[in-house]
Amino acid sequence: MSYCFDFNSRYGILRCRLERDISDDELKQCYRLASEYAALTSPNAGIVDFSSVAAFNVSAQTVRDLARSTPAIAGHLPRFIVVPDHIYGLARMFQQCGDETRPHLHVLHSPAEAYAFLGIQEADFQPLKKSIEMDERKTHAAANPERKSSA
C-alpha cells in the first residue's frame, strides 16, 4: 500500500499521505477508503498529501472521473491537496473538474501551507488503519455469521 490515513482529533483533520509510485487502481482504492475514514471521523477538514510521491502513474481520465464522483468528504469543508511540481497540473485538473462539488478545495505545495490556511501549527496525527480494519471485520462477521453444525 502506497498510502496511509491519519487523524488529528484536536482540529478534526483527516489526512491521507501518499508515497512512492501511485497507479490508477491505487488512487481509486485510496479515494474509496477516504470516504470510509471520513464517515468514521466526521472531519472538519481534509488534507491529501502527495509530497512524497515519486511516480504518479495515473491517467487524466481517472483524475477527471474521481473529480466528477461524490466527494470523499461530505459537505463544504476545507480540503487541501499538497503536491510536488510533477503532479501539480493533474491536481489542478481535479480541482477544476470538481469545482461544483468541492468549492473549498485548494491545491498547495506544502503541508505547512494547509496548516497556515487553517490557522494552526503543524498538527499531531494518529494512524487510523486499525479503526477501519476493525469496522470491516465487524461488518464481515455480521454479514457472514459462522453456522454451528448440529451434530
Foldseek 3Di string as FASTA:
>chain_A
DQKFWWAFLVQQEIEIEGAEEAALVNVVVVQVVLLVVCVVRVGQEYEYEDDHYDHYHYDLVSLLVSLPDQHSHQDAHAYEYADDPVCQVSVVSSCVSNCVRHVRYYYHHDVQVVCVVVPHGDGDIDTDVVVVVVVVVVVVCVVDPDDDDDD
